[in-house]
Protein backbone atom coordinates (compact mmCIF):
# COMPACT_ATOMS: atom_id res chain seq x y z
CA MET A 1 -9.60 -70.96 22.33
CA ALA A 2 -9.05 -67.26 22.77
CA GLY A 3 -9.29 -66.71 18.99
CA GLY A 4 -12.65 -68.49 18.86
CA ALA A 5 -13.98 -66.41 21.71
CA ILE A 6 -12.95 -63.20 19.96
CA THR A 7 -14.62 -64.34 16.73
CA VAL A 8 -17.85 -65.17 18.55
CA LEU A 9 -17.75 -61.83 20.37
CA ASN A 10 -17.26 -59.90 17.11
CA SER A 11 -20.13 -61.70 15.45
CA VAL A 12 -22.40 -61.00 18.41
CA VAL A 13 -21.52 -57.30 18.41
CA THR A 14 -22.00 -57.05 14.64
CA SER A 15 -25.34 -58.82 14.79
CA SER A 16 -26.50 -56.58 17.60
CA LEU A 17 -25.57 -53.44 15.66
CA VAL A 18 -27.28 -54.62 12.48
CA SER A 19 -30.43 -55.67 14.31
CA SER A 20 -30.52 -52.39 16.20
CA PHE A 21 -30.20 -50.43 12.95
CA LEU A 22 -32.93 -52.47 11.21
CA SER A 23 -35.29 -52.19 14.13
CA ALA A 24 -34.76 -48.44 14.28
CA SER A 25 -35.14 -47.85 10.54
CA SER A 26 -38.77 -46.91 11.00
CA TYR A 27 -37.73 -44.35 13.60
CA ARG A 28 -35.07 -42.69 11.50
CA GLY A 29 -36.15 -39.25 12.62
CA ASN A 30 -35.57 -40.17 16.26
CA LEU A 31 -32.24 -41.78 15.43
CA ILE A 32 -30.77 -38.72 13.72
CA THR A 33 -30.87 -36.56 16.82
CA PRO A 34 -28.70 -38.80 19.06
CA ILE A 35 -26.22 -39.31 16.21
CA ASN A 36 -25.98 -35.57 15.62
CA LEU A 37 -25.58 -35.05 19.33
CA VAL A 38 -22.68 -37.50 19.43
CA ARG A 39 -21.08 -35.83 16.43
CA THR A 40 -21.53 -32.40 18.02
CA LEU A 41 -19.96 -33.51 21.27
CA ALA A 42 -17.06 -35.10 19.42
CA PHE A 43 -16.50 -31.99 17.29
CA THR A 44 -16.71 -29.75 20.38
CA ALA A 45 -14.09 -31.80 22.14
CA LEU A 46 -11.87 -31.68 19.07
CA LEU A 47 -12.37 -27.93 18.75
CA LYS A 48 -11.44 -27.39 22.39
CA ASN A 49 -8.27 -29.41 21.94
CA THR A 50 -7.44 -27.51 18.77
CA ARG A 51 -8.00 -24.14 20.45
CA ARG A 52 -5.93 -25.24 23.42
CA HIS A 53 -3.16 -26.25 21.06
CA GLN A 54 -3.37 -22.98 19.13
CA THR A 55 -3.37 -20.96 22.36
CA PHE A 56 -0.29 -22.77 23.50
CA ASN A 57 1.41 -22.15 20.18
CA ASN A 58 0.45 -18.48 20.31
CA ARG A 59 1.85 -18.19 23.80
CA ASN A 60 5.08 -19.78 22.68
CA ARG A 61 5.18 -17.49 19.66
CA SER A 62 4.55 -14.44 21.81
CA PHE A 63 7.23 -15.51 24.21
CA SER A 64 9.75 -15.98 21.43
CA CYS A 65 8.83 -12.59 19.95
CA GLU A 66 9.19 -10.93 23.32
CA SER A 67 12.58 -12.52 23.86
CA SER A 68 13.81 -11.49 20.41
CA ALA A 69 12.38 -8.01 20.90
CA ALA A 70 14.19 -7.73 24.19
CA THR A 71 17.40 -8.69 22.44
CA ASP A 72 16.83 -6.07 19.74
CA ILE A 73 16.04 -3.37 22.28
CA SER A 74 19.12 -4.17 24.30
CA SER A 75 21.31 -3.85 21.22
CA THR A 76 19.56 -0.88 19.53
CA SER A 77 17.81 0.90 22.35
CA SER A 78 18.92 4.37 21.24
CA THR A 79 17.51 3.86 17.73
CA SER A 80 14.15 2.63 19.04
CA LEU A 81 13.79 5.62 21.33
CA SER A 82 14.70 8.09 18.61
CA ASN A 83 12.02 6.65 16.34
CA ASN A 84 9.32 7.18 18.98
CA GLY A 85 8.15 3.59 18.88
CA TYR A 86 8.19 3.28 15.08
CA PRO A 87 10.03 0.38 13.42
CA ILE A 88 13.69 0.69 12.56
CA TYR A 89 13.94 1.94 8.98
CA SER A 90 16.56 0.92 6.44
CA ARG A 91 15.39 1.12 2.78
CA LEU A 92 12.10 1.19 0.86
CA LEU A 93 13.19 -1.80 -1.24
CA PRO A 94 12.57 -4.66 -1.42
CA CYS A 95 8.87 -3.88 -1.56
CA PRO A 96 6.83 -5.35 1.33
CA SER A 97 3.83 -7.52 0.53
CA HIS A 98 1.49 -5.40 2.67
CA ASN A 99 1.09 -1.69 3.36
CA GLY A 100 1.89 -0.47 6.83
CA PRO A 101 -0.10 2.06 8.86
CA PRO A 102 0.03 5.62 7.49
CA ARG A 103 2.57 8.02 8.92
CA VAL A 104 2.72 11.61 7.69
CA GLU A 105 5.06 14.08 9.40
CA HIS A 106 4.64 17.86 9.18
CA LEU A 107 7.78 19.92 9.78
CA VAL A 108 8.84 23.56 9.71
CA VAL A 109 12.51 24.04 8.93
CA SER A 110 14.23 25.80 11.82
CA GLU A 111 17.62 26.20 10.11
CA GLY A 112 18.37 26.32 6.41
CA GLY A 113 20.30 23.52 4.76
CA SER A 114 19.98 20.29 2.79
CA VAL A 115 16.49 18.81 2.86
CA LEU A 116 17.94 15.33 3.24
CA GLU A 117 20.01 16.23 6.28
CA TYR A 118 17.19 18.16 7.94
CA ILE A 119 14.64 15.33 7.62
CA CYS A 120 17.17 12.78 8.85
CA GLN A 121 17.88 14.88 11.92
CA ALA A 122 14.28 15.91 12.64
CA LEU A 123 12.76 12.42 12.28
CA SER A 124 15.78 10.28 13.23
CA LEU A 125 15.68 8.46 9.90
CA PRO A 126 18.66 6.99 8.01
CA SER A 127 19.84 8.99 5.02
CA LEU A 128 19.31 6.13 2.54
CA PHE A 129 15.69 5.77 3.65
CA VAL A 130 15.02 9.51 3.27
CA ALA A 131 16.70 9.44 -0.15
CA ASP A 132 14.32 6.64 -1.14
CA LEU A 133 11.35 8.69 0.06
CA ILE A 134 12.44 11.63 -2.09
CA HIS A 135 12.96 9.31 -5.07
CA PHE A 136 9.45 7.89 -4.58
CA GLY A 137 8.00 11.42 -4.47
CA ALA A 138 6.89 11.18 -0.85
CA VAL A 139 8.32 14.53 0.34
CA PHE A 140 6.67 17.91 -0.30
CA TYR A 141 7.49 21.49 0.61
CA ALA A 142 5.87 24.92 0.73
CA LEU A 143 7.61 28.26 1.15
CA VAL A 144 5.16 29.22 3.89
CA CYS A 145 3.53 26.86 6.36
CA PRO A 146 -0.14 26.19 5.51
CA ASP A 147 -2.86 26.90 8.04
CA PRO A 148 -2.79 24.29 10.83
CA PRO A 149 -5.68 21.81 11.07
CA PRO A 150 -8.30 22.08 13.84
CA ASN A 151 -6.64 19.26 15.81
CA ALA A 152 -3.23 20.95 15.87
CA THR A 153 -1.46 21.04 19.21
CA PRO A 154 -0.75 24.32 21.03
CA GLU A 155 2.94 23.91 20.23
CA GLN A 156 2.22 23.53 16.51
CA ILE A 157 -0.01 26.60 16.53
CA LYS A 158 2.73 28.55 18.30
CA VAL A 159 5.30 27.56 15.66
CA TYR A 160 2.87 28.47 12.88
CA LYS A 161 2.31 31.95 14.30
CA GLU A 162 6.04 32.50 14.68
CA VAL A 163 7.00 31.52 11.11
CA THR A 164 4.04 33.31 9.49
CA ASN A 165 4.44 36.56 11.39
CA PRO A 166 4.40 39.42 8.84
CA SER A 167 7.64 40.82 10.22
CA VAL A 168 9.33 37.45 9.61
CA LEU A 169 7.86 36.96 6.14
CA ARG A 170 9.08 40.38 5.01
CA THR A 171 12.67 39.27 5.55
CA ARG A 172 12.38 36.26 3.22
CA ALA A 173 13.43 37.08 -0.33
CA SER A 174 12.01 33.82 -1.71
CA ILE A 175 8.40 34.90 -1.20
CA LYS A 176 8.64 38.48 -2.41
CA GLY A 177 6.01 39.19 -5.05
CA LYS A 178 3.87 36.23 -3.91
CA THR A 179 0.67 36.22 -1.94
CA ILE A 180 0.45 34.11 1.20
CA ARG A 181 -1.85 31.67 -0.60
CA GLU A 182 0.64 31.28 -3.44
CA ALA A 183 3.52 30.74 -1.02
CA GLN A 184 1.54 28.04 0.81
CA LYS A 185 1.17 25.89 -2.31
CA THR A 186 3.00 22.59 -1.95
CA PHE A 187 5.47 21.13 -4.43
CA ARG A 188 7.25 17.79 -4.60
CA ILE A 189 10.91 17.59 -3.57
CA THR A 190 12.78 15.98 -6.49
CA ARG A 191 16.44 16.14 -5.42
CA ILE A 192 18.15 14.95 -2.26
CA ASP A 193 20.52 17.95 -2.32
CA GLU A 194 17.73 20.52 -2.56
CA PHE A 195 18.20 23.49 -0.25
CA VAL A 196 15.40 24.49 2.12
CA GLU A 197 15.52 27.79 3.99
CA ALA A 198 14.33 28.46 7.52
CA GLY A 199 10.54 28.72 7.71
CA THR A 200 9.95 26.26 4.87
CA TYR A 201 7.15 23.76 5.46
CA LEU A 202 7.85 20.05 4.82
CA ARG A 203 5.40 17.16 4.58
CA VAL A 204 7.00 13.71 4.71
CA HIS A 205 5.01 10.56 3.92
CA VAL A 206 7.14 8.08 5.86
CA HIS A 207 4.97 5.09 4.92
CA PRO A 208 4.05 5.56 1.24
CA LYS A 209 1.42 3.33 -0.34
CA ARG A 210 3.17 0.37 -1.95
CA PHE A 211 2.42 -1.69 -5.08
CA PRO A 212 4.25 -5.05 -4.91
CA ARG A 213 2.42 -6.22 -8.04
CA CYS A 214 4.68 -3.97 -10.14
CA TYR A 215 7.63 -6.27 -9.52
CA GLU A 216 5.76 -9.39 -10.65
CA ILE A 217 4.72 -8.20 -14.13
CA ASP A 218 6.45 -8.79 -17.45
CA TRP A 219 5.86 -5.22 -18.57
CA ARG A 220 7.24 -5.67 -22.08
CA SER A 221 4.56 -8.26 -22.80
CA ARG A 222 1.83 -5.83 -21.68
CA ILE A 223 2.72 -3.26 -24.36
CA ILE A 224 0.07 -3.39 -27.09
CA ALA A 225 1.14 -0.56 -29.41
CA VAL A 226 4.00 1.91 -29.66
CA THR A 227 3.94 5.04 -31.84
CA ASP A 228 5.88 8.27 -31.93
CA SER A 229 3.14 9.99 -29.91
CA TYR A 230 1.71 7.43 -27.54
CA VAL A 231 1.95 3.93 -26.07
CA VAL A 232 -1.02 1.63 -25.43
CA LEU A 233 -0.58 -0.50 -22.32
CA ASP A 234 -2.63 -3.43 -21.09
CA LYS A 235 -2.68 -2.31 -17.46
CA PRO A 236 -2.45 -5.14 -14.92
CA ALA A 237 -4.77 -5.20 -11.94
CA GLY A 238 -3.29 -4.11 -8.63
CA THR A 239 -1.21 -1.30 -10.11
CA SER A 240 -1.51 2.47 -10.37
CA VAL A 241 -1.44 4.19 -13.75
CA GLY A 242 0.44 7.33 -12.75
CA GLY A 243 1.20 6.71 -9.09
CA THR A 244 -0.22 8.12 -5.89
CA THR A 245 0.43 11.26 -3.88
CA ASP A 246 3.24 9.56 -1.97
CA ASN A 247 4.48 7.04 -4.57
CA ILE A 248 5.17 7.91 -8.21
CA GLU A 249 7.87 5.26 -8.56
CA GLU A 250 5.77 2.07 -8.42
CA SER A 251 3.44 2.92 -11.30
CA CYS A 252 2.58 1.79 -14.82
CA VAL A 253 4.16 4.93 -16.26
CA THR A 254 7.53 4.26 -14.63
CA PHE A 255 7.74 0.53 -15.33
CA ALA A 256 6.45 0.81 -18.90
CA SER A 257 9.00 3.54 -19.63
CA ARG A 258 11.78 1.30 -18.35
CA ALA A 259 10.52 -1.70 -20.30
CA LEU A 260 10.70 0.33 -23.51
CA GLY A 261 14.03 1.91 -22.62
CA LEU A 262 12.72 5.43 -23.13
CA ASP A 263 14.85 8.42 -22.24
CA ALA A 264 11.86 10.57 -21.30
CA PRO A 265 9.19 9.05 -19.03
CA LEU A 266 5.70 8.44 -20.37
CA ARG A 267 2.82 10.71 -19.35
CA THR A 268 -0.66 9.80 -18.18
CA THR A 269 -3.62 10.83 -20.31
CA HIS A 270 -6.39 9.21 -18.26
CA GLN A 271 -6.80 7.00 -15.21
CA ILE A 272 -8.53 3.75 -14.32
CA ASP A 273 -8.86 2.25 -10.86
CA ASN A 274 -5.90 0.46 -9.30
CA CYS A 275 -7.88 -2.78 -9.04
CA THR A 276 -8.95 -2.60 -12.71
CA GLU A 277 -7.28 -4.33 -15.64
CA GLY A 278 -7.61 -2.76 -19.08
CA CYS A 279 -6.15 -0.51 -21.76
CA VAL A 280 -4.60 2.85 -20.99
CA VAL A 281 -3.00 5.35 -23.35
CA LEU A 282 0.30 6.81 -22.16
CA SER A 283 1.57 9.86 -23.99
CA ARG A 284 5.17 10.22 -25.10
CA THR A 285 4.94 14.00 -25.41
CA LYS A 286 3.20 16.80 -23.58
CA GLU A 287 1.54 17.89 -26.82
CA TYR A 288 -0.19 14.56 -27.36
CA CYS A 289 -1.81 14.79 -23.93
CA SER A 290 -3.76 17.78 -25.24
CA VAL A 291 -4.54 15.95 -28.49
CA PHE A 292 -5.88 12.93 -26.62
CA HIS A 293 -8.01 15.04 -24.28
CA GLY A 294 -9.40 16.86 -27.30
CA LYS A 295 -10.45 13.57 -28.89
CA ILE A 296 -12.27 12.60 -25.71
CA ARG A 297 -14.10 15.92 -25.60
CA ILE A 298 -15.12 15.77 -29.27
CA SER A 299 -16.63 12.30 -29.24
CA LEU A 300 -16.31 9.02 -27.37
CA LYS A 301 -17.06 7.20 -30.61
CA ASP A 302 -14.12 8.55 -32.59
CA GLY A 303 -10.38 8.26 -32.23
CA ILE A 304 -8.38 6.04 -29.93
CA CYS A 305 -10.85 6.12 -27.06
CA ALA A 306 -13.47 4.23 -29.10
CA ASP A 307 -10.88 1.67 -30.15
CA LEU A 308 -9.95 1.12 -26.51
CA ARG A 309 -13.56 0.70 -25.46
CA SER A 310 -14.25 -1.90 -28.17
CA TRP A 311 -10.96 -3.67 -27.47
CA ASN A 312 -11.76 -3.96 -23.77
CA ALA A 313 -15.29 -5.10 -24.58
CA ARG A 314 -13.87 -8.00 -26.60
CA ARG A 315 -11.46 -8.94 -23.82
CA PHE A 316 -13.89 -8.58 -20.91
CA HIS A 317 -17.41 -9.55 -21.87
CA GLY A 318 -19.94 -7.02 -20.68
CA GLN A 319 -17.29 -4.63 -19.32
CA MET A 320 -16.17 -1.32 -20.78
CA LEU A 321 -13.21 0.91 -20.08
């Protein structure tokens, strides 16, 4: 009996829906608005529930992060304070997937000694991390501190005046015979045991620009040609040809040299954008850099440059190197 009643009820409901739809077919424009309204209300309710769920998850995530951070601070509070709120540093490798915020430190050496030891002490950084920075080419020096920028603090201006005082500069044998402008020229620190004397200016790029794509490439397969004078490389996108100011390690020059097992590193002859993929010529000798530049100056239609342009045109339709 109950089953028959349910069947009758279903048929009545179905018939009512069908008849309502047929009777309203001529008023389809009026029917769309209520249906859209129902859909909108349903989607709004779903969106509110989703946002409520996400907010709850975010709160839980924040709470867990705060609890873990509290644990870290309790165990390494001295390190956190010494880094002035910066993250705890260990090594530059493995390479992170994203670049962090820039951090460039400007120092004036107060006491002569090893550059590695001085930076570690001045910035509260571990020695292995500073050694990595020097290896990446992220540390520079000048015999005399350059002119401070307009936004320099009074303390920085005071230090600058002290170390550039003519009476102080006359006592430094390293700058004798040099003008102030020459002594203020910056050079890259290349050795961790390099000695820096008091008054030397240091610029440390603590967060160098990173190129994680370098570690994903089969560099040997990107080599197109190898001669005694040059190497032609099919540069992958997302890489730097010769490196950046603060990172000469993660570059096409370095990884291509390693892939070929060369004793002397390759040299850049020209640049293309980091985001660009295409042919680049890397010189094996200093002399060929001049030869290549001469070919470019003579004519873009002759020599290797023309071959590269036509080769790229065949690979990338409508694009030229």
